[in-house]
């Protein structure tokens, strides 16, 4: 699958069904040794870029459970990626 095919997909958290953003908004962390994708860094949104400094959500590549035609389902809580 090409990155261009992923870019318009919504990222949905399996735990609560929350829409986290679009893959096209994320930066990819790629291993310089293997060339494999390690994780995605998704910026949290703020209203018109105003307010607090934007934080980021790091989504490890192995947290992805399913990539469908319109969305990508991720599971962060099960693996301990969030809140620990």
PDB file of N, CA and C in Angstrom:
ATOM      1  N   UNK A   1       0.841  -1.174   0.000  1.00  0.00           N
ATOM      2  CA  UNK A   1       0.000   0.000   0.000  1.00  0.00           C
ATOM      3  C   UNK A   1       0.891   1.244   0.000  1.00  0.00           C
ATOM      4  N   UNK A   2       0.536   2.208  -0.802  1.00  0.00           N
ATOM      5  CA  UNK A   2       1.299   3.455  -0.891  1.00  0.00           C
ATOM      6  C   UNK A   2       0.837   4.453   0.175  1.00  0.00           C
ATOM      7  N   UNK A   3       1.760   5.319   0.566  1.00  0.00           N
ATOM      8  CA  UNK A   3       1.434   6.350   1.549  1.00  0.00           C
ATOM      9  C   UNK A   3       0.283   7.222   1.055  1.00  0.00           C
ATOM     10  N   UNK A   4       0.237   7.506  -0.233  1.00  0.00           N
ATOM     11  CA  UNK A   4      -0.849   8.336  -0.772  1.00  0.00           C
ATOM     12  C   UNK A   4      -2.214   7.677  -0.572  1.00  0.00           C
ATOM     13  N   UNK A   5      -2.263   6.349  -0.528  1.00  0.00           N
ATOM     14  CA  UNK A   5      -3.515   5.645  -0.287  1.00  0.00           C
ATOM     15  C   UNK A   5      -3.921   5.716   1.184  1.00  0.00           C
ATOM     16  N   UNK A   6      -2.973   5.900   2.075  1.00  0.00           N
ATOM     17  CA  UNK A   6      -3.257   6.003   3.504  1.00  0.00           C
ATOM     18  C   UNK A   6      -3.662   7.408   3.927  1.00  0.00           C
ATOM     19  N   UNK A   7      -3.195   8.423   3.223  1.00  0.00           N
ATOM     20  CA  UNK A   7      -3.278   9.802   3.705  1.00  0.00           C
ATOM     21  C   UNK A   7      -4.678  10.300   4.039  1.00  0.00           C
ATOM     22  N   UNK A   8      -5.709   9.868   3.341  1.00  0.00           N
ATOM     23  CA  UNK A   8      -7.058  10.362   3.608  1.00  0.00           C
ATOM     24  C   UNK A   8      -7.834   9.561   4.635  1.00  0.00           C
ATOM     25  N   UNK A   9      -7.231   8.500   5.173  1.00  0.00           N
ATOM     26  CA  UNK A   9      -7.944   7.639   6.119  1.00  0.00           C
ATOM     27  C   UNK A   9      -8.019   8.271   7.510  1.00  0.00           C
ATOM     28  N   UNK A  10      -9.167   8.088   8.150  1.00  0.00           N
ATOM     29  CA  UNK A  10      -9.333   8.555   9.520  1.00  0.00           C
ATOM     30  C   UNK A  10      -8.685   7.547  10.462  1.00  0.00           C
ATOM     31  N   UNK A  11      -8.098   8.051  11.542  1.00  0.00           N
ATOM     32  CA  UNK A  11      -7.523   7.195  12.577  1.00  0.00           C
ATOM     33  C   UNK A  11      -8.549   7.118  13.702  1.00  0.00           C
ATOM     34  N   UNK A  12      -8.997   5.892  14.017  1.00  0.00           N
ATOM     35  CA  UNK A  12     -10.022   5.668  15.029  1.00  0.00           C
ATOM     36  C   UNK A  12      -9.443   4.801  16.142  1.00  0.00           C
ATOM     37  N   UNK A  13      -9.656   5.230  17.404  1.00  0.00           N
ATOM     38  CA  UNK A  13      -9.209   4.466  18.561  1.00  0.00           C
ATOM     39  C   UNK A  13     -10.221   3.367  18.856  1.00  0.00           C
ATOM     40  N   UNK A  14      -9.781   2.124  18.878  1.00  0.00           N
ATOM     41  CA  UNK A  14     -10.646   0.977  19.116  1.00  0.00           C
ATOM     42  C   UNK A  14     -11.294   1.027  20.497  1.00  0.00           C
ATOM     43  N   UNK A  15     -10.587   1.545  21.477  1.00  0.00           N
ATOM     44  CA  UNK A  15     -11.060   1.581  22.867  1.00  0.00           C
ATOM     45  C   UNK A  15     -12.363   2.364  23.011  1.00  0.00           C
ATOM     46  N   UNK A  16     -12.423   3.558  22.417  1.00  0.00           N
ATOM     47  CA  UNK A  16     -13.591   4.417  22.639  1.00  0.00           C
ATOM     48  C   UNK A  16     -14.253   4.912  21.349  1.00  0.00           C
ATOM     49  N   UNK A  17     -13.772   4.467  20.217  1.00  0.00           N
ATOM     50  CA  UNK A  17     -14.354   4.879  18.943  1.00  0.00           C
ATOM     51  C   UNK A  17     -14.072   6.325  18.574  1.00  0.00           C
ATOM     52  N   UNK A  18     -13.150   6.958  19.272  1.00  0.00           N
ATOM     53  CA  UNK A  18     -12.825   8.365  19.049  1.00  0.00           C
ATOM     54  C   UNK A  18     -12.034   8.557  17.763  1.00  0.00           C
ATOM     55  N   UNK A  19     -12.422   9.581  17.010  1.00  0.00           N
ATOM     56  CA  UNK A  19     -11.670   9.981  15.819  1.00  0.00           C
ATOM     57  C   UNK A  19     -10.469  10.785  16.288  1.00  0.00           C
ATOM     58  N   UNK A  20      -9.278  10.333  15.936  1.00  0.00           N
ATOM     59  CA  UNK A  20      -8.062  10.982  16.414  1.00  0.00           C
ATOM     60  C   UNK A  20      -7.463  11.931  15.391  1.00  0.00           C
ATOM     61  N   UNK A  21      -7.819  11.767  14.122  1.00  0.00           N
ATOM     62  CA  UNK A  21      -7.275  12.619  13.072  1.00  0.00           C
ATOM     63  C   UNK A  21      -7.168  11.849  11.774  1.00  0.00           C
ATOM     64  N   UNK A  22      -6.439  12.418  10.848  1.00  0.00           N
ATOM     65  CA  UNK A  22      -6.215  11.785   9.551  1.00  0.00           C
ATOM     66  C   UNK A  22      -4.763  11.344   9.440  1.00  0.00           C
ATOM     67  N   UNK A  23      -4.548  10.247   8.761  1.00  0.00           N
ATOM     68  CA  UNK A  23      -3.186   9.759   8.560  1.00  0.00           C
ATOM     69  C   UNK A  23      -2.351  10.831   7.859  1.00  0.00           C
ATOM     70  N   UNK A  24      -2.964  11.582   6.951  1.00  0.00           N
ATOM     71  CA  UNK A  24      -2.248  12.621   6.217  1.00  0.00           C
ATOM     72  C   UNK A  24      -1.736  13.758   7.088  1.00  0.00           C
ATOM     73  N   UNK A  25      -2.269  13.882   8.313  1.00  0.00           N
ATOM     74  CA  UNK A  25      -1.805  14.909   9.250  1.00  0.00           C
ATOM     75  C   UNK A  25      -0.602  14.436  10.057  1.00  0.00           C
ATOM     76  N   UNK A  26      -0.336  13.146  10.015  1.00  0.00           N
ATOM     77  CA  UNK A  26       0.705  12.542  10.847  1.00  0.00           C
ATOM     78  C   UNK A  26       2.071  12.583  10.166  1.00  0.00           C
ATOM     79  N   UNK A  27       3.096  12.612  11.000  1.00  0.00           N
ATOM     80  CA  UNK A  27       4.466  12.417  10.540  1.00  0.00           C
ATOM     81  C   UNK A  27       4.812  10.960  10.786  1.00  0.00           C
ATOM     82  N   UNK A  28       5.623  10.387   9.944  1.00  0.00           N
ATOM     83  CA  UNK A  28       6.052   9.008  10.120  1.00  0.00           C
ATOM     84  C   UNK A  28       7.469   8.977  10.667  1.00  0.00           C
ATOM     85  N   UNK A  29       7.713   8.067  11.610  1.00  0.00           N
ATOM     86  CA  UNK A  29       9.058   7.820  12.123  1.00  0.00           C
ATOM     87  C   UNK A  29       9.533   6.545  11.440  1.00  0.00           C
ATOM     88  N   UNK A  30      10.600   6.679  10.659  1.00  0.00           N
ATOM     89  CA  UNK A  30      11.118   5.569   9.864  1.00  0.00           C
ATOM     90  C   UNK A  30      12.512   5.212  10.358  1.00  0.00           C
ATOM     91  N   UNK A  31      12.749   3.934  10.575  1.00  0.00           N
ATOM     92  CA  UNK A  31      14.060   3.467  11.024  1.00  0.00           C
ATOM     93  C   UNK A  31      15.090   3.724   9.931  1.00  0.00           C
ATOM     94  N   UNK A  32      16.162   4.364  10.299  1.00  0.00           N
ATOM     95  CA  UNK A  32      17.208   4.618   9.305  1.00  0.00           C
ATOM     96  C   UNK A  32      18.001   3.352   8.983  1.00  0.00           C
ATOM     97  N   UNK A  33      17.898   2.348   9.838  1.00  0.00           N
ATOM     98  CA  UNK A  33      18.625   1.099   9.603  1.00  0.00           C
ATOM     99  C   UNK A  33      17.838   0.117   8.739  1.00  0.00           C
ATOM    100  N   UNK A  34      16.520   0.040   8.957  1.00  0.00           N
ATOM    101  CA  UNK A  34      15.721  -0.953   8.244  1.00  0.00           C
ATOM    102  C   UNK A  34      14.820  -0.346   7.171  1.00  0.00           C
ATOM    103  N   UNK A  35      14.542   0.947   7.279  1.00  0.00           N
ATOM    104  CA  UNK A  35      13.623   1.593   6.350  1.00  0.00           C
ATOM    105  C   UNK A  35      12.162   1.313   6.661  1.00  0.00           C
ATOM    106  N   UNK A  36      11.895   0.643   7.780  1.00  0.00           N
ATOM    107  CA  UNK A  36      10.527   0.295   8.184  1.00  0.00           C
ATOM    108  C   UNK A  36       9.920   1.426   9.014  1.00  0.00           C
ATOM    109  N   UNK A  37       8.602   1.568   8.906  1.00  0.00           N
ATOM    110  CA  UNK A  37       7.894   2.572   9.710  1.00  0.00           C
ATOM    111  C   UNK A  37       7.828   2.071  11.144  1.00  0.00           C
ATOM    112  N   UNK A  38       8.264   2.918  12.093  1.00  0.00           N
ATOM    113  CA  UNK A  38       8.227   2.561  13.511  1.00  0.00           C
ATOM    114  C   UNK A  38       6.982   3.100  14.190  1.00  0.00           C
ATOM    115  N   UNK A  39       6.591   4.328  13.842  1.00  0.00           N
ATOM    116  CA  UNK A  39       5.432   4.937  14.474  1.00  0.00           C
ATOM    117  C   UNK A  39       4.942   6.127  13.654  1.00  0.00           C
ATOM    118  N   UNK A  40       3.777   6.620  14.048  1.00  0.00           N
ATOM    119  CA  UNK A  40       3.219   7.851  13.484  1.00  0.00           C
ATOM    120  C   UNK A  40       3.137   8.859  14.618  1.00  0.00           C
ATOM    121  N   UNK A  41       3.398  10.117  14.302  1.00  0.00           N
ATOM    122  CA  UNK A  41       3.252  11.188  15.277  1.00  0.00           C
ATOM    123  C   UNK A  41       2.108  12.068  14.801  1.00  0.00           C
ATOM    124  N   UNK A  42       1.029  12.071  15.585  1.00  0.00           N
ATOM    125  CA  UNK A  42      -0.187  12.776  15.220  1.00  0.00           C
ATOM    126  C   UNK A  42      -0.329  14.013  16.089  1.00  0.00           C
ATOM    127  N   UNK A  43      -0.358  15.207  15.491  1.00  0.00           N
ATOM    128  CA  UNK A  43      -0.543  16.413  16.305  1.00  0.00           C
ATOM    129  C   UNK A  43      -1.986  16.488  16.799  1.00  0.00           C
ATOM    130  N   UNK A  44      -2.164  16.963  18.029  1.00  0.00           N
ATOM    131  CA  UNK A  44      -3.521  17.189  18.511  1.00  0.00           C
ATOM    132  C   UNK A  44      -3.963  18.529  17.968  1.00  0.00           C
ATOM    133  N   UNK A  45      -5.243  18.685  17.757  1.00  0.00           N
ATOM    134  CA  UNK A  45      -5.731  19.914  17.129  1.00  0.00           C
ATOM    135  C   UNK A  45      -6.009  20.982  18.178  1.00  0.00           C
ATOM    136  N   UNK A  46      -5.856  22.215  17.767  1.00  0.00           N
ATOM    137  CA  UNK A  46      -6.245  23.354  18.584  1.00  0.00           C
ATOM    138  C   UNK A  46      -7.045  24.284  17.685  1.00  0.00           C
ATOM    139  N   UNK A  47      -7.918  25.059  18.259  1.00  0.00           N
ATOM    140  CA  UNK A  47      -8.807  25.913  17.480  1.00  0.00           C
ATOM    141  C   UNK A  47      -8.018  26.992  16.757  1.00  0.00           C
ATOM    142  N   UNK A  48      -7.954  26.924  15.444  1.00  0.00           N
ATOM    143  CA  UNK A  48      -7.264  27.892  14.581  1.00  0.00           C
ATOM    144  C   UNK A  48      -5.806  28.101  14.966  1.00  0.00           C
ATOM    145  N   UNK A  49      -5.209  27.090  15.598  1.00  0.00           N
ATOM    146  CA  UNK A  49      -3.802  27.208  15.968  1.00  0.00           C
ATOM    147  C   UNK A  49      -3.563  28.132  17.144  1.00  0.00           C
ATOM    148  N   UNK A  50      -4.619  28.533  17.826  1.00  0.00           N
ATOM    149  CA  UNK A  50      -4.484  29.448  18.962  1.00  0.00           C
ATOM    150  C   UNK A  50      -4.514  28.646  20.254  1.00  0.00           C
ATOM    151  N   UNK A  51      -4.069  29.270  21.322  1.00  0.00           N
ATOM    152  CA  UNK A  51      -4.139  28.617  22.624  1.00  0.00           C
ATOM    153  C   UNK A  51      -2.833  27.944  22.976  1.00  0.00           C
ATOM    154  N   UNK A  52      -2.952  26.871  23.753  1.00  0.00           N
ATOM    155  CA  UNK A  52      -1.782  26.156  24.246  1.00  0.00           C
ATOM    156  C   UNK A  52      -0.954  25.565  23.118  1.00  0.00           C
ATOM    157  N   UNK A  53       0.286  25.286  23.475  1.00  0.00           N
ATOM    158  CA  UNK A  53       1.159  24.596  22.525  1.00  0.00           C
ATOM    159  C   UNK A  53       0.551  23.235  22.198  1.00  0.00           C
ATOM    160  N   UNK A  54       0.614  22.871  20.942  1.00  0.00           N
ATOM    161  CA  UNK A  54       0.032  21.606  20.504  1.00  0.00           C
ATOM    162  C   UNK A  54       0.876  20.436  21.000  1.00  0.00           C
ATOM    163  N   UNK A  55       0.192  19.421  21.454  1.00  0.00           N
ATOM    164  CA  UNK A  55       0.867  18.216  21.890  1.00  0.00           C
ATOM    165  C   UNK A  55       0.798  17.193  20.765  1.00  0.00           C
ATOM    166  N   UNK A  56       1.499  16.103  20.946  1.00  0.00           N
ATOM    167  CA  UNK A  56       1.531  15.068  19.929  1.00  0.00           C
ATOM    168  C   UNK A  56       1.145  13.730  20.526  1.00  0.00           C
ATOM    169  N   UNK A  57       0.565  12.880  19.713  1.00  0.00           N
ATOM    170  CA  UNK A  57       0.257  11.507  20.101  1.00  0.00           C
ATOM    171  C   UNK A  57       1.147  10.607  19.260  1.00  0.00           C
ATOM    172  N   UNK A  58       1.933   9.777  19.922  1.00  0.00           N
ATOM    173  CA  UNK A  58       2.794   8.834  19.215  1.00  0.00           C
ATOM    174  C   UNK A  58       2.042   7.510  19.111  1.00  0.00           C
ATOM    175  N   UNK A  59       1.848   7.054  17.898  1.00  0.00           N
ATOM    176  CA  UNK A  59       1.133   5.800  17.639  1.00  0.00           C
ATOM    177  C   UNK A  59       2.131   4.799  17.077  1.00  0.00           C
ATOM    178  N   UNK A  60       2.561   3.834  17.901  1.00  0.00           N
ATOM    179  CA  UNK A  60       3.480   2.814  17.385  1.00  0.00           C
ATOM    180  C   UNK A  60       2.835   2.043  16.238  1.00  0.00           C
ATOM    181  N   UNK A  61       3.611   1.677  15.254  1.00  0.00           N
ATOM    182  CA  UNK A  61       3.075   1.006  14.073  1.00  0.00           C
ATOM    183  C   UNK A  61       2.395  -0.310  14.447  1.00  0.00           C
ATOM    184  N   UNK A  62       2.887  -0.987  15.503  1.00  0.00           N
ATOM    185  CA  UNK A  62       2.264  -2.257  15.887  1.00  0.00           C
ATOM    186  C   UNK A  62       0.964  -2.065  16.666  1.00  0.00           C
ATOM    187  N   UNK A  63       0.541  -0.821  16.917  1.00  0.00           N
ATOM    188  CA  UNK A  63      -0.754  -0.554  17.550  1.00  0.00           C
ATOM    189  C   UNK A  63      -1.882  -0.530  16.514  1.00  0.00           C
ATOM    190  N   UNK A  64      -1.538  -0.582  15.235  1.00  0.00           N
ATOM    191  CA  UNK A  64      -2.552  -0.585  14.180  1.00  0.00           C
ATOM    192  C   UNK A  64      -3.164  -1.973  14.107  1.00  0.00           C
ATOM    193  N   UNK A  65      -4.485  -2.037  14.209  1.00  0.00           N
ATOM    194  CA  UNK A  65      -5.193  -3.322  14.180  1.00  0.00           C
ATOM    195  C   UNK A  65      -5.783  -3.627  12.810  1.00  0.00           C
ATOM    196  N   UNK A  66      -6.272  -2.616  12.103  1.00  0.00           N
ATOM    197  CA  UNK A  66      -6.929  -2.861  10.813  1.00  0.00           C
ATOM    198  C   UNK A  66      -6.859  -1.591   9.983  1.00  0.00           C
ATOM    199  N   UNK A  67      -6.582  -1.744   8.692  1.00  0.00           N
ATOM    200  CA  UNK A  67      -6.632  -0.630   7.752  1.00  0.00           C
ATOM    201  C   UNK A  67      -7.719  -0.962   6.747  1.00  0.00           C
ATOM    202  N   UNK A  68      -8.790  -0.176   6.779  1.00  0.00           N
ATOM    203  CA  UNK A  68      -9.914  -0.398   5.884  1.00  0.00           C
ATOM    204  C   UNK A  68      -9.924   0.628   4.768  1.00  0.00           C
ATOM    205  N   UNK A  69     -10.991   0.617   3.945  1.00  0.00           N
ATOM    206  CA  UNK A  69     -11.057   1.541   2.815  1.00  0.00           C
ATOM    207  C   UNK A  69     -11.136   3.011   3.224  1.00  0.00           C
ATOM    208  N   UNK A  70     -11.683   3.298   4.420  1.00  0.00           N
ATOM    209  CA  UNK A  70     -11.867   4.685   4.834  1.00  0.00           C
ATOM    210  C   UNK A  70     -11.215   5.034   6.155  1.00  0.00           C
ATOM    211  N   UNK A  71     -10.792   4.027   6.918  1.00  0.00           N
ATOM    212  CA  UNK A  71     -10.233   4.313   8.232  1.00  0.00           C
ATOM    213  C   UNK A  71      -9.159   3.328   8.639  1.00  0.00           C
ATOM    214  N   UNK A  72      -8.406   3.748   9.662  1.00  0.00           N
ATOM    215  CA  UNK A  72      -7.379   2.928  10.269  1.00  0.00           C
ATOM    216  C   UNK A  72      -7.766   2.777  11.742  1.00  0.00           C
ATOM    217  N   UNK A  73      -7.910   1.537  12.205  1.00  0.00           N
ATOM    218  CA  UNK A  73      -8.275   1.268  13.590  1.00  0.00           C
ATOM    219  C   UNK A  73      -6.996   0.999  14.375  1.00  0.00           C
ATOM    220  N   UNK A  74      -6.830   1.719  15.501  1.00  0.00           N
ATOM    221  CA  UNK A  74      -5.655   1.520  16.340  1.00  0.00           C
ATOM    222  C   UNK A  74      -6.098   1.115  17.740  1.00  0.00           C
ATOM    223  N   UNK A  75      -5.215   0.460  18.471  1.00  0.00           N
ATOM    224  CA  UNK A  75      -5.495   0.040  19.838  1.00  0.00           C
ATOM    225  C   UNK A  75      -4.316   0.463  20.704  1.00  0.00           C
ATOM    226  N   UNK A  76      -4.510   1.548  21.457  1.00  0.00           N
ATOM    227  CA  UNK A  76      -3.437   2.079  22.277  1.00  0.00           C
ATOM    228  C   UNK A  76      -3.488   1.571  23.716  1.00  0.00           C
ATOM    229  N   UNK A  77      -4.638   1.500  24.303  1.00  0.00           N
ATOM    230  CA  UNK A  77      -4.748   1.114  25.729  1.00  0.00           C
ATOM    231  C   UNK A  77      -4.262  -0.304  26.002  1.00  0.00           C
ATOM    232  N   UNK A  78      -4.647  -1.256  25.188  1.00  0.00           N
ATOM    233  CA  UNK A  78      -4.306  -2.662  25.382  1.00  0.00           C
ATOM    234  C   UNK A  78      -2.802  -2.849  25.521  1.00  0.00           C
ATOM    235  N   UNK A  79      -2.053  -2.145  24.730  1.00  0.00           N
ATOM    236  CA  UNK A  79      -0.593  -2.298  24.711  1.00  0.00           C
ATOM    237  C   UNK A  79       0.112  -1.382  25.712  1.00  0.00           C
ATOM    238  N   UNK A  80      -0.651  -0.567  26.447  1.00  0.00           N
ATOM    239  CA  UNK A  80      -0.033   0.321  27.421  1.00  0.00           C
ATOM    240  C   UNK A  80       0.616   1.543  26.828  1.00  0.00           C
ATOM    241  N   UNK A  81       0.192   1.982  25.636  1.00  0.00           N
ATOM    242  CA  UNK A  81       0.791   3.137  24.996  1.00  0.00           C
ATOM    243  C   UNK A  81       0.256   4.457  25.549  1.00  0.00           C
ATOM    244  N   UNK A  82      -0.939   4.423  26.144  1.00  0.00           N
ATOM    245  CA  UNK A  82      -1.557   5.642  26.633  1.00  0.00           C
ATOM    246  C   UNK A  82      -1.766   5.543  28.124  1.00  0.00           C
ATOM    247  N   UNK A  83      -1.485   6.624  28.839  1.00  0.00           N
ATOM    248  CA  UNK A  83      -1.778   6.699  30.250  1.00  0.00           C
ATOM    249  C   UNK A  83      -0.799   5.971  31.161  1.00  0.00           C
ATOM    250  N   UNK A  84       0.303   5.541  30.663  1.00  0.00           N
ATOM    251  CA  UNK A  84       1.281   4.878  31.502  1.00  0.00           C
ATOM    252  C   UNK A  84       2.631   5.498  31.331  1.00  0.00           C
TER     253      UNK A  84
END
